[in-house]
Amino acid sequence: MADVYRWRLAPEGLATRRQLRALGLRPGGQDVAAEVHRPRRRRGPLVAYLYRIEHAKPVRPMTPGRSAALAAAMLARRTCPNCRTDVGYCIPRSLGMCVPCHDTPAPSEGDCRVLA
């Protein structure tokens, strides 16, 4: 079982994943060394897992393939499925489409006019 510390009382030499990433490191397959618990009033405590900094490995460099895959994924998040345009921001998942498409009312069947 990993050691458990209270919030802000963890010893030096331990870091969370986010702190490791800020240092240019990754856990590198090591097990969780400790946990930090932040108490809350009405629910269970928030838990953060800590890793040993001396066992961490450097972050892998970005390859051209990973860069292309990341660019394609971000383009898909910015492309509206309704109007098929790159709107320049990540489309909110709650809307499912860009804000202009969401704000304009969809034409109902009675509104369609056949031009002869």
PDB file of N, CA and C in Angstrom:
ATOM      1  N   MET A   1       0.848  -1.190   0.000  1.00  0.00           N
ATOM      2  CA  MET A   1       0.000   0.000   0.000  1.00  0.00           C
ATOM      3  C   MET A   1       0.883   1.237   0.000  1.00  0.00           C
ATOM      4  N   ALA A   2       0.513   2.223  -0.774  1.00  0.00           N
ATOM      5  CA  ALA A   2       1.281   3.457  -0.871  1.00  0.00           C
ATOM      6  C   ALA A   2       1.059   4.316   0.376  1.00  0.00           C
ATOM      7  N   ASP A   3       2.046   5.132   0.685  1.00  0.00           N
ATOM      8  CA  ASP A   3       1.924   6.057   1.812  1.00  0.00           C
ATOM      9  C   ASP A   3       0.847   7.086   1.504  1.00  0.00           C
ATOM     10  N   VAL A   4       0.187   7.562   2.543  1.00  0.00           N
ATOM     11  CA  VAL A   4      -0.864   8.560   2.383  1.00  0.00           C
ATOM     12  C   VAL A   4      -0.465   9.799   3.172  1.00  0.00           C
ATOM     13  N   TYR A   5      -0.532  10.956   2.507  1.00  0.00           N
ATOM     14  CA  TYR A   5      -0.200  12.227   3.141  1.00  0.00           C
ATOM     15  C   TYR A   5      -1.391  13.161   3.038  1.00  0.00           C
ATOM     16  N   ARG A   6      -1.465  14.110   3.945  1.00  0.00           N
ATOM     17  CA  ARG A   6      -2.502  15.131   3.872  1.00  0.00           C
ATOM     18  C   ARG A   6      -2.082  16.189   2.868  1.00  0.00           C
ATOM     19  N   TRP A   7      -3.057  16.968   2.432  1.00  0.00           N
ATOM     20  CA  TRP A   7      -2.845  18.004   1.425  1.00  0.00           C
ATOM     21  C   TRP A   7      -1.698  18.930   1.802  1.00  0.00           C
ATOM     22  N   ARG A   8      -0.777  19.143   0.887  1.00  0.00           N
ATOM     23  CA  ARG A   8       0.395  20.020   1.011  1.00  0.00           C
ATOM     24  C   ARG A   8       1.442  19.521   2.004  1.00  0.00           C
ATOM     25  N   LEU A   9       1.351  18.276   2.454  1.00  0.00           N
ATOM     26  CA  LEU A   9       2.318  17.763   3.426  1.00  0.00           C
ATOM     27  C   LEU A   9       3.140  16.603   2.871  1.00  0.00           C
ATOM     28  N   ALA A  10       3.177  16.445   1.578  1.00  0.00           N
ATOM     29  CA  ALA A  10       3.976  15.377   0.977  1.00  0.00           C
ATOM     30  C   ALA A  10       5.455  15.770   1.019  1.00  0.00           C
ATOM     31  N   PRO A  11       6.349  14.797   1.197  1.00  0.00           N
ATOM     32  CA  PRO A  11       7.776  15.112   1.263  1.00  0.00           C
ATOM     33  C   PRO A  11       8.336  15.483  -0.109  1.00  0.00           C
ATOM     34  N   GLU A  12       9.514  16.049  -0.104  1.00  0.00           N
ATOM     35  CA  GLU A  12      10.224  16.402  -1.340  1.00  0.00           C
ATOM     36  C   GLU A  12      10.562  15.130  -2.097  1.00  0.00           C
ATOM     37  N   GLY A  13      10.697  15.237  -3.398  1.00  0.00           N
ATOM     38  CA  GLY A  13      11.062  14.090  -4.205  1.00  0.00           C
ATOM     39  C   GLY A  13       9.884  13.347  -4.793  1.00  0.00           C
ATOM     40  N   LEU A  14       8.662  13.777  -4.466  1.00  0.00           N
ATOM     41  CA  LEU A  14       7.453  13.175  -5.020  1.00  0.00           C
ATOM     42  C   LEU A  14       6.702  14.233  -5.819  1.00  0.00           C
ATOM     43  N   ALA A  15       6.061  13.793  -6.901  1.00  0.00           N
ATOM     44  CA  ALA A  15       5.326  14.738  -7.742  1.00  0.00           C
ATOM     45  C   ALA A  15       4.153  14.032  -8.406  1.00  0.00           C
ATOM     46  N   THR A  16       3.124  14.805  -8.742  1.00  0.00           N
ATOM     47  CA  THR A  16       1.982  14.277  -9.485  1.00  0.00           C
ATOM     48  C   THR A  16       2.357  14.187 -10.960  1.00  0.00           C
ATOM     49  N   ARG A  17       1.498  13.572 -11.763  1.00  0.00           N
ATOM     50  CA  ARG A  17       1.744  13.494 -13.204  1.00  0.00           C
ATOM     51  C   ARG A  17       1.871  14.877 -13.817  1.00  0.00           C
ATOM     52  N   ARG A  18       1.022  15.776 -13.403  1.00  0.00           N
ATOM     53  CA  ARG A  18       1.056  17.133 -13.956  1.00  0.00           C
ATOM     54  C   ARG A  18       2.349  17.843 -13.581  1.00  0.00           C
ATOM     55  N   GLN A  19       2.800  17.662 -12.360  1.00  0.00           N
ATOM     56  CA  GLN A  19       4.058  18.277 -11.942  1.00  0.00           C
ATOM     57  C   GLN A  19       5.238  17.657 -12.681  1.00  0.00           C
ATOM     58  N   LEU A  20       5.188  16.331 -12.905  1.00  0.00           N
ATOM     59  CA  LEU A  20       6.243  15.687 -13.684  1.00  0.00           C
ATOM     60  C   LEU A  20       6.271  16.239 -15.098  1.00  0.00           C
ATOM     61  N   ARG A  21       5.093  16.398 -15.690  1.00  0.00           N
ATOM     62  CA  ARG A  21       5.024  16.910 -17.057  1.00  0.00           C
ATOM     63  C   ARG A  21       5.600  18.316 -17.148  1.00  0.00           C
ATOM     64  N   ALA A  22       5.369  19.150 -16.142  1.00  0.00           N
ATOM     65  CA  ALA A  22       5.929  20.500 -16.125  1.00  0.00           C
ATOM     66  C   ALA A  22       7.452  20.463 -16.069  1.00  0.00           C
ATOM     67  N   LEU A  23       8.004  19.386 -15.506  1.00  0.00           N
ATOM     68  CA  LEU A  23       9.452  19.216 -15.448  1.00  0.00           C
ATOM     69  C   LEU A  23      10.004  18.504 -16.683  1.00  0.00           C
ATOM     70  N   GLY A  24       9.125  18.152 -17.626  1.00  0.00           N
ATOM     71  CA  GLY A  24       9.552  17.437 -18.817  1.00  0.00           C
ATOM     72  C   GLY A  24       9.763  15.957 -18.571  1.00  0.00           C
ATOM     73  N   LEU A  25       9.045  15.396 -17.584  1.00  0.00           N
ATOM     74  CA  LEU A  25       9.201  13.991 -17.214  1.00  0.00           C
ATOM     75  C   LEU A  25       7.870  13.272 -17.292  1.00  0.00           C
ATOM     76  N   ARG A  26       7.928  11.939 -17.216  1.00  0.00           N
ATOM     77  CA  ARG A  26       6.738  11.084 -17.171  1.00  0.00           C
ATOM     78  C   ARG A  26       6.998   9.995 -16.148  1.00  0.00           C
ATOM     79  N   PRO A  27       5.959   9.353 -15.610  1.00  0.00           N
ATOM     80  CA  PRO A  27       6.185   8.313 -14.604  1.00  0.00           C
ATOM     81  C   PRO A  27       7.040   7.159 -15.111  1.00  0.00           C
ATOM     82  N   GLY A  28       6.914   6.787 -16.371  1.00  0.00           N
ATOM     83  CA  GLY A  28       7.790   5.769 -16.938  1.00  0.00           C
ATOM     84  C   GLY A  28       7.547   4.372 -16.416  1.00  0.00           C
ATOM     85  N   GLY A  29       6.304   4.007 -16.117  1.00  0.00           N
ATOM     86  CA  GLY A  29       5.994   2.659 -15.702  1.00  0.00           C
ATOM     87  C   GLY A  29       6.152   2.368 -14.225  1.00  0.00           C
ATOM     88  N   GLN A  30       6.600   3.309 -13.449  1.00  0.00           N
ATOM     89  CA  GLN A  30       6.752   3.063 -12.012  1.00  0.00           C
ATOM     90  C   GLN A  30       5.393   3.030 -11.322  1.00  0.00           C
ATOM     91  N   ASP A  31       5.328   2.326 -10.221  1.00  0.00           N
ATOM     92  CA  ASP A  31       4.102   2.265  -9.436  1.00  0.00           C
ATOM     93  C   ASP A  31       3.910   3.556  -8.659  1.00  0.00           C
ATOM     94  N   VAL A  32       2.686   3.772  -8.195  1.00  0.00           N
ATOM     95  CA  VAL A  32       2.383   4.941  -7.376  1.00  0.00           C
ATOM     96  C   VAL A  32       3.167   4.836  -6.074  1.00  0.00           C
ATOM     97  N   ALA A  33       3.906   5.880  -5.731  1.00  0.00           N
ATOM     98  CA  ALA A  33       4.731   5.870  -4.525  1.00  0.00           C
ATOM     99  C   ALA A  33       3.947   6.322  -3.298  1.00  0.00           C
ATOM    100  N   ALA A  34       2.996   7.246  -3.488  1.00  0.00           N
ATOM    101  CA  ALA A  34       2.233   7.780  -2.357  1.00  0.00           C
ATOM    102  C   ALA A  34       0.953   8.424  -2.886  1.00  0.00           C
ATOM    103  N   GLU A  35       0.081   8.772  -1.964  1.00  0.00           N
ATOM    104  CA  GLU A  35      -1.150   9.475  -2.286  1.00  0.00           C
ATOM    105  C   GLU A  35      -1.252  10.715  -1.406  1.00  0.00           C
ATOM    106  N   VAL A  36      -1.870  11.754  -1.968  1.00  0.00           N
ATOM    107  CA  VAL A  36      -2.180  12.957  -1.195  1.00  0.00           C
ATOM    108  C   VAL A  36      -3.687  13.056  -1.135  1.00  0.00           C
ATOM    109  N   HIS A  37      -4.235  13.215   0.052  1.00  0.00           N
ATOM    110  CA  HIS A  37      -5.675  13.335   0.229  1.00  0.00           C
ATOM    111  C   HIS A  37      -6.011  14.764   0.636  1.00  0.00           C
ATOM    112  N   ARG A  38      -6.934  15.355  -0.100  1.00  0.00           N
ATOM    113  CA  ARG A  38      -7.428  16.689   0.240  1.00  0.00           C
ATOM    114  C   ARG A  38      -8.846  16.524   0.761  1.00  0.00           C
ATOM    115  N   PRO A  39      -9.068  16.804   2.038  1.00  0.00           N
ATOM    116  CA  PRO A  39     -10.407  16.579   2.609  1.00  0.00           C
ATOM    117  C   PRO A  39     -11.444  17.538   2.031  1.00  0.00           C
ATOM    118  N   ARG A  40     -12.674  17.025   1.949  1.00  0.00           N
ATOM    119  CA  ARG A  40     -13.823  17.836   1.525  1.00  0.00           C
ATOM    120  C   ARG A  40     -14.919  17.667   2.563  1.00  0.00           C
ATOM    121  N   ARG A  41     -15.836  18.605   2.631  1.00  0.00           N
ATOM    122  CA  ARG A  41     -16.846  18.586   3.680  1.00  0.00           C
ATOM    123  C   ARG A  41     -17.886  17.486   3.506  1.00  0.00           C
ATOM    124  N   ARG A  42     -18.474  17.382   2.344  1.00  0.00           N
ATOM    125  CA  ARG A  42     -19.631  16.503   2.193  1.00  0.00           C
ATOM    126  C   ARG A  42     -19.353  15.234   1.412  1.00  0.00           C
ATOM    127  N   ARG A  43     -18.184  15.133   0.821  1.00  0.00           N
ATOM    128  CA  ARG A  43     -17.869  13.944   0.030  1.00  0.00           C
ATOM    129  C   ARG A  43     -16.528  13.400   0.475  1.00  0.00           C
ATOM    130  N   GLY A  44     -16.133  12.317  -0.132  1.00  0.00           N
ATOM    131  CA  GLY A  44     -14.834  11.736   0.178  1.00  0.00           C
ATOM    132  C   GLY A  44     -13.708  12.653  -0.267  1.00  0.00           C
ATOM    133  N   PRO A  45     -12.509  12.396   0.193  1.00  0.00           N
ATOM    134  CA  PRO A  45     -11.404  13.302  -0.128  1.00  0.00           C
ATOM    135  C   PRO A  45     -10.995  13.191  -1.601  1.00  0.00           C
ATOM    136  N   LEU A  46     -10.432  14.291  -2.113  1.00  0.00           N
ATOM    137  CA  LEU A  46      -9.810  14.255  -3.428  1.00  0.00           C
ATOM    138  C   LEU A  46      -8.471  13.546  -3.277  1.00  0.00           C
ATOM    139  N   VAL A  47      -8.128  12.697  -4.223  1.00  0.00           N
ATOM    140  CA  VAL A  47      -6.903  11.910  -4.134  1.00  0.00           C
ATOM    141  C   VAL A  47      -6.011  12.252  -5.319  1.00  0.00           C
ATOM    142  N   ALA A  48      -4.739  12.504  -5.044  1.00  0.00           N
ATOM    143  CA  ALA A  48      -3.736  12.712  -6.086  1.00  0.00           C
ATOM    144  C   ALA A  48      -2.645  11.670  -5.882  1.00  0.00           C
ATOM    145  N   TYR A  49      -2.246  11.013  -6.967  1.00  0.00           N
ATOM    146  CA  TYR A  49      -1.203  10.004  -6.896  1.00  0.00           C
ATOM    147  C   TYR A  49       0.152  10.646  -7.128  1.00  0.00           C
ATOM    148  N   LEU A  50       1.120  10.231  -6.338  1.00  0.00           N
ATOM    149  CA  LEU A  50       2.465  10.795  -6.405  1.00  0.00           C
ATOM    150  C   LEU A  50       3.459   9.757  -6.901  1.00  0.00           C
ATOM    151  N   TYR A  51       4.423  10.221  -7.668  1.00  0.00           N
ATOM    152  CA  TYR A  51       5.471   9.365  -8.223  1.00  0.00           C
ATOM    153  C   TYR A  51       6.832   9.917  -7.811  1.00  0.00           C
ATOM    154  N   ARG A  52       7.825   9.038  -7.747  1.00  0.00           N
ATOM    155  CA  ARG A  52       9.178   9.457  -7.389  1.00  0.00           C
ATOM    156  C   ARG A  52       9.824  10.154  -8.582  1.00  0.00           C
ATOM    157  N   ILE A  53      10.370  11.343  -8.320  1.00  0.00           N
ATOM    158  CA  ILE A  53      10.984  12.130  -9.380  1.00  0.00           C
ATOM    159  C   ILE A  53      12.254  11.454  -9.887  1.00  0.00           C
ATOM    160  N   GLU A  54      13.024  10.816  -8.995  1.00  0.00           N
ATOM    161  CA  GLU A  54      14.288  10.212  -9.426  1.00  0.00           C
ATOM    162  C   GLU A  54      14.076   8.988 -10.325  1.00  0.00           C
ATOM    163  N   HIS A  55      12.895   8.362 -10.284  1.00  0.00           N
ATOM    164  CA  HIS A  55      12.613   7.213 -11.146  1.00  0.00           C
ATOM    165  C   HIS A  55      11.885   7.615 -12.423  1.00  0.00           C
ATOM    166  N   ALA A  56      11.538   8.888 -12.560  1.00  0.00           N
ATOM    167  CA  ALA A  56      10.801   9.348 -13.733  1.00  0.00           C
ATOM    168  C   ALA A  56      11.724   9.392 -14.943  1.00  0.00           C
ATOM    169  N   LYS A  57      11.107   9.211 -16.112  1.00  0.00           N
ATOM    170  CA  LYS A  57      11.850   9.218 -17.366  1.00  0.00           C
ATOM    171  C   LYS A  57      11.489  10.461 -18.163  1.00  0.00           C
ATOM    172  N   PRO A  58      12.347  10.864 -19.093  1.00  0.00           N
ATOM    173  CA  PRO A  58      12.020  12.031 -19.917  1.00  0.00           C
ATOM    174  C   PRO A  58      10.809  11.756 -20.816  1.00  0.00           C
ATOM    175  N   VAL A  59      10.095  12.820 -21.151  1.00  0.00           N
ATOM    176  CA  VAL A  59       8.961  12.715 -22.048  1.00  0.00           C
ATOM    177  C   VAL A  59       9.468  12.335 -23.430  1.00  0.00           C
ATOM    178  N   ARG A  60       8.746  11.435 -24.090  1.00  0.00           N
ATOM    179  CA  ARG A  60       9.144  11.035 -25.435  1.00  0.00           C
ATOM    180  C   ARG A  60       8.986  12.212 -26.390  1.00  0.00           C
ATOM    181  N   PRO A  61       9.911  12.364 -27.348  1.00  0.00           N
ATOM    182  CA  PRO A  61       9.804  13.490 -28.281  1.00  0.00           C
ATOM    183  C   PRO A  61       8.634  13.304 -29.247  1.00  0.00           C
ATOM    184  N   MET A  62       8.129  14.406 -29.739  1.00  0.00           N
ATOM    185  CA  MET A  62       7.021  14.385 -30.688  1.00  0.00           C
ATOM    186  C   MET A  62       7.548  13.949 -32.054  1.00  0.00           C
ATOM    187  N   THR A  63       6.970  12.895 -32.600  1.00  0.00           N
ATOM    188  CA  THR A  63       7.367  12.409 -33.917  1.00  0.00           C
ATOM    189  C   THR A  63       6.470  13.034 -34.977  1.00  0.00           C
ATOM    190  N   PRO A  64       6.884  13.007 -36.237  1.00  0.00           N
ATOM    191  CA  PRO A  64       6.015  13.565 -37.283  1.00  0.00           C
ATOM    192  C   PRO A  64       4.655  12.865 -37.362  1.00  0.00           C
ATOM    193  N   GLY A  65       4.620  11.552 -37.152  1.00  0.00           N
ATOM    194  CA  GLY A  65       3.351  10.835 -37.184  1.00  0.00           C
ATOM    195  C   GLY A  65       2.424  11.244 -36.052  1.00  0.00           C
ATOM    196  N   ARG A  66       2.974  11.373 -34.835  1.00  0.00           N
ATOM    197  CA  ARG A  66       2.153  11.809 -33.694  1.00  0.00           C
ATOM    198  C   ARG A  66       1.673  13.232 -33.892  1.00  0.00           C
ATOM    199  N   SER A  67       2.521  14.084 -34.473  1.00  0.00           N
ATOM    200  CA  SER A  67       2.138  15.468 -34.728  1.00  0.00           C
ATOM    201  C   SER A  67       0.999  15.535 -35.738  1.00  0.00           C
ATOM    202  N   ALA A  68       1.079  14.724 -36.798  1.00  0.00           N
ATOM    203  CA  ALA A  68       0.011  14.704 -37.811  1.00  0.00           C
ATOM    204  C   ALA A  68      -1.284  14.172 -37.216  1.00  0.00           C
ATOM    205  N   ALA A  69      -1.200  13.134 -36.383  1.00  0.00           N
ATOM    206  CA  ALA A  69      -2.399  12.578 -35.751  1.00  0.00           C
ATOM    207  C   ALA A  69      -3.041  13.592 -34.815  1.00  0.00           C
ATOM    208  N   LEU A  70      -2.242  14.329 -34.061  1.00  0.00           N
ATOM    209  CA  LEU A  70      -2.766  15.352 -33.165  1.00  0.00           C
ATOM    210  C   LEU A  70      -3.429  16.485 -33.946  1.00  0.00           C
ATOM    211  N   ALA A  71      -2.811  16.889 -35.064  1.00  0.00           N
ATOM    212  CA  ALA A  71      -3.397  17.946 -35.893  1.00  0.00           C
ATOM    213  C   ALA A  71      -4.734  17.496 -36.484  1.00  0.00           C
ATOM    214  N   ALA A  72      -4.815  16.236 -36.922  1.00  0.00           N
ATOM    215  CA  ALA A  72      -6.071  15.725 -37.479  1.00  0.00           C
ATOM    216  C   ALA A  72      -7.156  15.651 -36.413  1.00  0.00           C
ATOM    217  N   ALA A  73      -6.792  15.247 -35.202  1.00  0.00           N
ATOM    218  CA  ALA A  73      -7.775  15.166 -34.118  1.00  0.00           C
ATOM    219  C   ALA A  73      -8.290  16.552 -33.750  1.00  0.00           C
ATOM    220  N   MET A  74      -7.410  17.535 -33.696  1.00  0.00           N
ATOM    221  CA  MET A  74      -7.847  18.888 -33.364  1.00  0.00           C
ATOM    222  C   MET A  74      -8.710  19.484 -34.476  1.00  0.00           C
ATOM    223  N   LEU A  75      -8.395  19.169 -35.738  1.00  0.00           N
ATOM    224  CA  LEU A  75      -9.232  19.633 -36.838  1.00  0.00           C
ATOM    225  C   LEU A  75     -10.633  19.038 -36.735  1.00  0.00           C
ATOM    226  N   ALA A  76     -10.717  17.766 -36.361  1.00  0.00           N
ATOM    227  CA  ALA A  76     -12.027  17.136 -36.194  1.00  0.00           C
ATOM    228  C   ALA A  76     -12.814  17.781 -35.065  1.00  0.00           C
ATOM    229  N   ARG A  77     -12.145  18.214 -34.010  1.00  0.00           N
ATOM    230  CA  ARG A  77     -12.852  18.872 -32.895  1.00  0.00           C
ATOM    231  C   ARG A  77     -13.326  20.269 -33.271  1.00  0.00           C
ATOM    232  N   ARG A  78     -12.676  20.900 -34.263  1.00  0.00           N
ATOM    233  CA  ARG A  78     -13.048  22.255 -34.683  1.00  0.00           C
ATOM    234  C   ARG A  78     -14.032  22.277 -35.841  1.00  0.00           C
ATOM    235  N   THR A  79     -14.268  21.148 -36.504  1.00  0.00           N
ATOM    236  CA  THR A  79     -15.138  21.099 -37.676  1.00  0.00           C
ATOM    237  C   THR A  79     -16.576  20.830 -37.247  1.00  0.00           C
ATOM    238  N   CYS A  80     -17.464  21.702 -37.669  1.00  0.00           N
ATOM    239  CA  CYS A  80     -18.887  21.565 -37.337  1.00  0.00           C
ATOM    240  C   CYS A  80     -19.491  20.459 -38.195  1.00  0.00           C
ATOM    241  N   PRO A  81     -20.192  19.495 -37.591  1.00  0.00           N
ATOM    242  CA  PRO A  81     -20.807  18.440 -38.388  1.00  0.00           C
ATOM    243  C   PRO A  81     -22.007  18.930 -39.191  1.00  0.00           C
ATOM    244  N   ASN A  82     -22.543  20.088 -38.835  1.00  0.00           N
ATOM    245  CA  ASN A  82     -23.722  20.625 -39.504  1.00  0.00           C
ATOM    246  C   ASN A  82     -23.352  21.387 -40.773  1.00  0.00           C
ATOM    247  N   CYS A  83     -22.446  22.354 -40.655  1.00  0.00           N
ATOM    248  CA  CYS A  83     -22.078  23.189 -41.810  1.00  0.00           C
ATOM    249  C   CYS A  83     -20.737  22.792 -42.424  1.00  0.00           C
ATOM    250  N   ARG A  84     -20.017  21.842 -41.807  1.00  0.00           N
ATOM    251  CA  ARG A  84     -18.749  21.300 -42.321  1.00  0.00           C
ATOM    252  C   ARG A  84     -17.666  22.361 -42.511  1.00  0.00           C
ATOM    253  N   THR A  85     -17.630  23.364 -41.623  1.00  0.00           N
ATOM    254  CA  THR A  85     -16.580  24.373 -41.695  1.00  0.00           C
ATOM    255  C   THR A  85     -15.715  24.309 -40.441  1.00  0.00           C
ATOM    256  N   ASP A  86     -14.453  24.717 -40.601  1.00  0.00           N
ATOM    257  CA  ASP A  86     -13.539  24.834 -39.458  1.00  0.00           C
ATOM    258  C   ASP A  86     -13.860  26.158 -38.787  1.00  0.00           C
ATOM    259  N   VAL A  87     -14.431  26.094 -37.584  1.00  0.00           N
ATOM    260  CA  VAL A  87     -14.901  27.306 -36.928  1.00  0.00           C
ATOM    261  C   VAL A  87     -13.813  27.998 -36.111  1.00  0.00           C
ATOM    262  N   GLY A  88     -12.650  27.380 -35.949  1.00  0.00           N
ATOM    263  CA  GLY A  88     -11.537  28.034 -35.272  1.00  0.00           C
ATOM    264  C   GLY A  88     -11.497  27.824 -33.777  1.00  0.00           C
ATOM    265  N   TYR A  89     -12.435  27.084 -33.221  1.00  0.00           N
ATOM    266  CA  TYR A  89     -12.434  26.774 -31.790  1.00  0.00           C
ATOM    267  C   TYR A  89     -13.002  25.368 -31.628  1.00  0.00           C
ATOM    268  N   CYS A  90     -12.743  24.757 -30.498  1.00  0.00           N
ATOM    269  CA  CYS A  90     -13.277  23.424 -30.247  1.00  0.00           C
ATOM    270  C   CYS A  90     -14.781  23.531 -30.006  1.00  0.00           C
ATOM    271  N   ILE A  91     -15.533  22.751 -30.745  1.00  0.00           N
ATOM    272  CA  ILE A  91     -16.992  22.797 -30.657  1.00  0.00           C
ATOM    273  C   ILE A  91     -17.429  22.233 -29.312  1.00  0.00           C
ATOM    274  N   PRO A  92     -18.291  22.928 -28.576  1.00  0.00           N
ATOM    275  CA  PRO A  92     -18.754  22.420 -27.283  1.00  0.00           C
ATOM    276  C   PRO A  92     -19.508  21.107 -27.456  1.00  0.00           C
ATOM    277  N   ARG A  93     -19.187  20.133 -26.624  1.00  0.00           N
ATOM    278  CA  ARG A  93     -19.866  18.840 -26.705  1.00  0.00           C
ATOM    279  C   ARG A  93     -21.325  18.962 -26.305  1.00  0.00           C
ATOM    280  N   SER A  94     -21.625  19.951 -25.472  1.00  0.00           N
ATOM    281  CA  SER A  94     -23.021  20.118 -25.056  1.00  0.00           C
ATOM    282  C   SER A  94     -23.906  20.581 -26.212  1.00  0.00           C
ATOM    283  N   LEU A  95     -23.328  21.303 -27.186  1.00  0.00           N
ATOM    284  CA  LEU A  95     -24.106  21.768 -28.333  1.00  0.00           C
ATOM    285  C   LEU A  95     -24.075  20.767 -29.485  1.00  0.00           C
ATOM    286  N   GLY A  96     -22.914  20.159 -29.716  1.00  0.00           N
ATOM    287  CA  GLY A  96     -22.776  19.210 -30.814  1.00  0.00           C
ATOM    288  C   GLY A  96     -22.588  19.858 -32.170  1.00  0.00           C
ATOM    289  N   MET A  97     -22.571  21.169 -32.218  1.00  0.00           N
ATOM    290  CA  MET A  97     -22.365  21.910 -33.459  1.00  0.00           C
ATOM    291  C   MET A  97     -21.842  23.288 -33.098  1.00  0.00           C
ATOM    292  N   CYS A  98     -21.441  24.066 -34.105  1.00  0.00           N
ATOM    293  CA  CYS A  98     -20.902  25.407 -33.824  1.00  0.00           C
ATOM    294  C   CYS A  98     -22.031  26.297 -33.295  1.00  0.00           C
ATOM    295  N   VAL A  99     -21.650  27.376 -32.678  1.00  0.00           N
ATOM    296  CA  VAL A  99     -22.627  28.271 -32.051  1.00  0.00           C
ATOM    297  C   VAL A  99     -23.568  28.901 -33.080  1.00  0.00           C
ATOM    298  N   PRO A 100     -23.083  29.383 -34.251  1.00  0.00           N
ATOM    299  CA  PRO A 100     -24.040  29.932 -35.230  1.00  0.00           C
ATOM    300  C   PRO A 100     -25.073  28.907 -35.710  1.00  0.00           C
ATOM    301  N   CYS A 101     -24.652  27.657 -35.938  1.00  0.00           N
ATOM    302  CA  CYS A 101     -25.609  26.622 -36.352  1.00  0.00           C
ATOM    303  C   CYS A 101     -26.602  26.328 -35.236  1.00  0.00           C
ATOM    304  N   HIS A 102     -26.139  26.364 -34.004  1.00  0.00           N
ATOM    305  CA  HIS A 102     -27.030  26.089 -32.879  1.00  0.00           C
ATOM    306  C   HIS A 102     -28.038  27.212 -32.679  1.00  0.00           C
ATOM    307  N   ASP A 103     -27.605  28.461 -32.921  1.00  0.00           N
ATOM    308  CA  ASP A 103     -28.473  29.610 -32.669  1.00  0.00           C
ATOM    309  C   ASP A 103     -29.491  29.852 -33.775  1.00  0.00           C
ATOM    310  N   THR A 104     -29.226  29.381 -35.006  1.00  0.00           N
ATOM    311  CA  THR A 104     -30.197  29.589 -36.081  1.00  0.00           C
ATOM    312  C   THR A 104     -31.232  28.481 -36.032  1.00  0.00           C
ATOM    313  N   PRO A 105     -32.513  28.824 -36.104  1.00  0.00           N
ATOM    314  CA  PRO A 105     -33.540  27.781 -36.037  1.00  0.00           C
ATOM    315  C   PRO A 105     -33.532  26.935 -37.310  1.00  0.00           C
ATOM    316  N   ALA A 106     -33.742  25.655 -37.146  1.00  0.00           N
ATOM    317  CA  ALA A 106     -33.803  24.747 -38.289  1.00  0.00           C
ATOM    318  C   ALA A 106     -35.140  24.922 -38.991  1.00  0.00           C
ATOM    319  N   PRO A 107     -35.137  24.898 -40.334  1.00  0.00           N
ATOM    320  CA  PRO A 107     -36.415  25.039 -41.035  1.00  0.00           C
ATOM    321  C   PRO A 107     -37.269  23.803 -40.812  1.00  0.00           C
ATOM    322  N   SER A 108     -38.540  24.037 -40.518  1.00  0.00           N
ATOM    323  CA  SER A 108     -39.463  22.915 -40.333  1.00  0.00           C
ATOM    324  C   SER A 108     -40.023  22.497 -41.692  1.00  0.00           C
ATOM    325  N   GLU A 109     -40.729  21.376 -41.727  1.00  0.00           N
ATOM    326  CA  GLU A 109     -41.242  20.862 -43.001  1.00  0.00           C
ATOM    327  C   GLU A 109     -42.264  21.802 -43.616  1.00  0.00           C
ATOM    328  N   GLY A 110     -43.020  22.515 -42.818  1.00  0.00           N
ATOM    329  CA  GLY A 110     -44.025  23.432 -43.342  1.00  0.00           C
ATOM    330  C   GLY A 110     -43.419  24.690 -43.933  1.00  0.00           C
ATOM    331  N   ASP A 111     -42.166  25.021 -43.591  1.00  0.00           N
ATOM    332  CA  ASP A 111     -41.526  26.227 -44.083  1.00  0.00           C
ATOM    333  C   ASP A 111     -40.932  26.060 -45.475  1.00  0.00           C
ATOM    334  N   CYS A 112     -40.753  24.829 -45.922  1.00  0.00           N
ATOM    335  CA  CYS A 112     -40.118  24.593 -47.224  1.00  0.00           C
ATOM    336  C   CYS A 112     -41.105  24.957 -48.339  1.00  0.00           C
ATOM    337  N   ARG A 113     -40.655  25.734 -49.267  1.00  0.00           N
ATOM    338  CA  ARG A 113     -41.479  26.126 -50.404  1.00  0.00           C
ATOM    339  C   ARG A 113     -40.884  25.518 -51.674  1.00  0.00           C
ATOM    340  N   VAL A 114     -41.702  24.982 -52.475  1.00  0.00           N
ATOM    341  CA  VAL A 114     -41.261  24.431 -53.746  1.00  0.00           C
ATOM    342  C   VAL A 114     -41.404  25.511 -54.790  1.00  0.00           C
ATOM    343  N   LEU A 115     -40.290  25.834 -55.433  1.00  0.00           N
ATOM    344  CA  LEU A 115     -40.314  26.851 -56.493  1.00  0.00           C
ATOM    345  C   LEU A 115     -40.634  26.177 -57.820  1.00  0.00           C
ATOM    346  N   ALA A 116     -41.643  26.681 -58.500  1.00  0.00           N
ATOM    347  CA  ALA A 116     -42.040  26.076 -59.780  1.00  0.00           C
ATOM    348  C   ALA A 116     -41.556  26.918 -60.927  1.00  0.00           C
TER     349      ALA A 116
END
